[in-house]
Each structure stands twice: as structure tokens, then as C-alpha cells.
């Protein structure tokens, strides 16, 4: 009969994927996206519609990239 060390088994299973990403980079990227969205909301009525849609898409992609690169690991 063998003894299973539960502490080691749990550590080896979760060792490859840390629970925390890079919180400072994540916060910085989200702050840049929030400032860009605020700027888009303020300047929105005076810019062309394709430029506004493109800017909003780029900001959403920045949020997605922030989540993938530096966000919390689930």
C-alpha cells in the first residue's frame, strides 16, 4: 500500500497555471482603454462614423489583449 501526499499532488496539478497574472500591466492597459473610451465619447459627435467604429473596435481589442496577456488566470 502506498501513501499519497495530497499537498504535492495539488501543487503539481496547479503549478503550470498561476492564479494571478500581471496586475500592474493589466491595470495599465485597462486604464488606457478607459481613457480612450472617454476620449471617444467626448469627441464622438465631431468625428466620422467609420473612424468612431474603428476606434471603438480597437479599444475593445485592447481590453481583450489585456485580459489574454496580463489578466487573471482562470
Protein backbone atom coordinates (compact mmCIF):
# COMPACT_ATOMS: atom_id res chain seq x y z
CA UNK A 1 0.00 0.00 0.00
CA UNK A 2 1.37 3.42 -0.94
CA UNK A 3 0.82 6.77 0.64
CA UNK A 4 -0.38 9.66 -1.48
CA UNK A 5 0.85 13.06 -0.43
CA UNK A 6 -2.09 15.30 -1.18
CA UNK A 7 -0.12 18.52 -0.83
CA UNK A 8 2.34 17.57 -3.55
CA UNK A 9 -0.35 16.29 -5.89
CA UNK A 10 -2.31 19.53 -5.62
CA UNK A 11 0.79 21.66 -6.17
CA UNK A 12 1.89 19.75 -9.25
CA UNK A 13 -1.58 19.97 -10.78
CA UNK A 14 -1.83 23.75 -10.39
CA UNK A 15 1.84 24.65 -10.83
CA UNK A 16 1.61 25.18 -14.59
CA UNK A 17 -1.08 27.85 -14.40
CA UNK A 18 -0.65 30.57 -11.76
CA UNK A 19 -3.80 32.07 -10.29
CA UNK A 20 -2.55 35.62 -10.80
CA UNK A 21 -1.43 37.35 -13.98
CA UNK A 22 0.44 40.65 -14.15
CA UNK A 23 -1.85 43.03 -12.25
CA UNK A 24 0.10 46.23 -12.94
CA UNK A 25 0.20 45.68 -16.69
CA UNK A 26 -3.45 44.61 -16.67
CA UNK A 27 -4.44 47.77 -14.79
CA UNK A 28 -2.36 49.97 -17.09
CA UNK A 29 -3.89 48.51 -20.25
CA UNK A 30 -7.41 48.83 -18.88
CA UNK A 31 -6.74 52.42 -17.82
CA UNK A 32 -5.53 53.23 -21.34
CA UNK A 33 -8.67 51.64 -22.79
CA UNK A 34 -10.90 53.57 -20.37
CA UNK A 35 -9.19 56.88 -21.21
CA UNK A 36 -9.54 56.11 -24.91
CA UNK A 37 -13.24 55.35 -24.49
CA UNK A 38 -13.74 58.60 -22.58
CA UNK A 39 -11.96 60.48 -25.34
CA UNK A 40 -14.11 58.71 -27.92
CA UNK A 41 -17.29 59.64 -26.06
CA UNK A 42 -16.26 63.29 -25.84
CA UNK A 43 -15.03 63.58 -29.44
CA UNK A 44 -17.60 61.17 -30.91
CA UNK A 45 -20.12 63.64 -32.30
CA UNK A 46 -17.48 65.55 -34.24
CA UNK A 47 -15.67 62.63 -35.92
CA UNK A 48 -16.75 60.44 -38.83
CA UNK A 49 -18.71 57.28 -38.09
CA UNK A 50 -16.18 54.82 -39.61
CA UNK A 51 -13.41 56.35 -37.51
CA UNK A 52 -15.52 56.12 -34.36
CA UNK A 53 -16.41 52.47 -35.04
CA UNK A 54 -12.78 51.64 -35.79
CA UNK A 55 -11.62 53.35 -32.61
CA UNK A 56 -14.21 51.53 -30.51
CA UNK A 57 -13.17 48.22 -32.08
CA UNK A 58 -9.51 48.93 -31.37
CA UNK A 59 -10.32 49.75 -27.74
CA UNK A 60 -12.29 46.52 -27.34
CA UNK A 61 -9.37 44.60 -28.82
CA UNK A 62 -7.07 46.31 -26.32
CA UNK A 63 -9.27 45.11 -23.45
CA UNK A 64 -9.24 41.59 -24.89
CA UNK A 65 -5.46 41.67 -25.30
CA UNK A 66 -5.08 42.93 -21.74
CA UNK A 67 -7.13 40.02 -20.46
CA UNK A 68 -5.20 37.44 -22.50
CA UNK A 69 -1.70 38.80 -21.88
CA UNK A 70 -1.83 40.08 -18.33
CA UNK A 71 -5.19 39.28 -16.79
CA UNK A 72 -6.19 36.81 -14.13
CA UNK A 73 -5.72 33.14 -14.95
CA UNK A 74 -8.88 31.09 -14.69
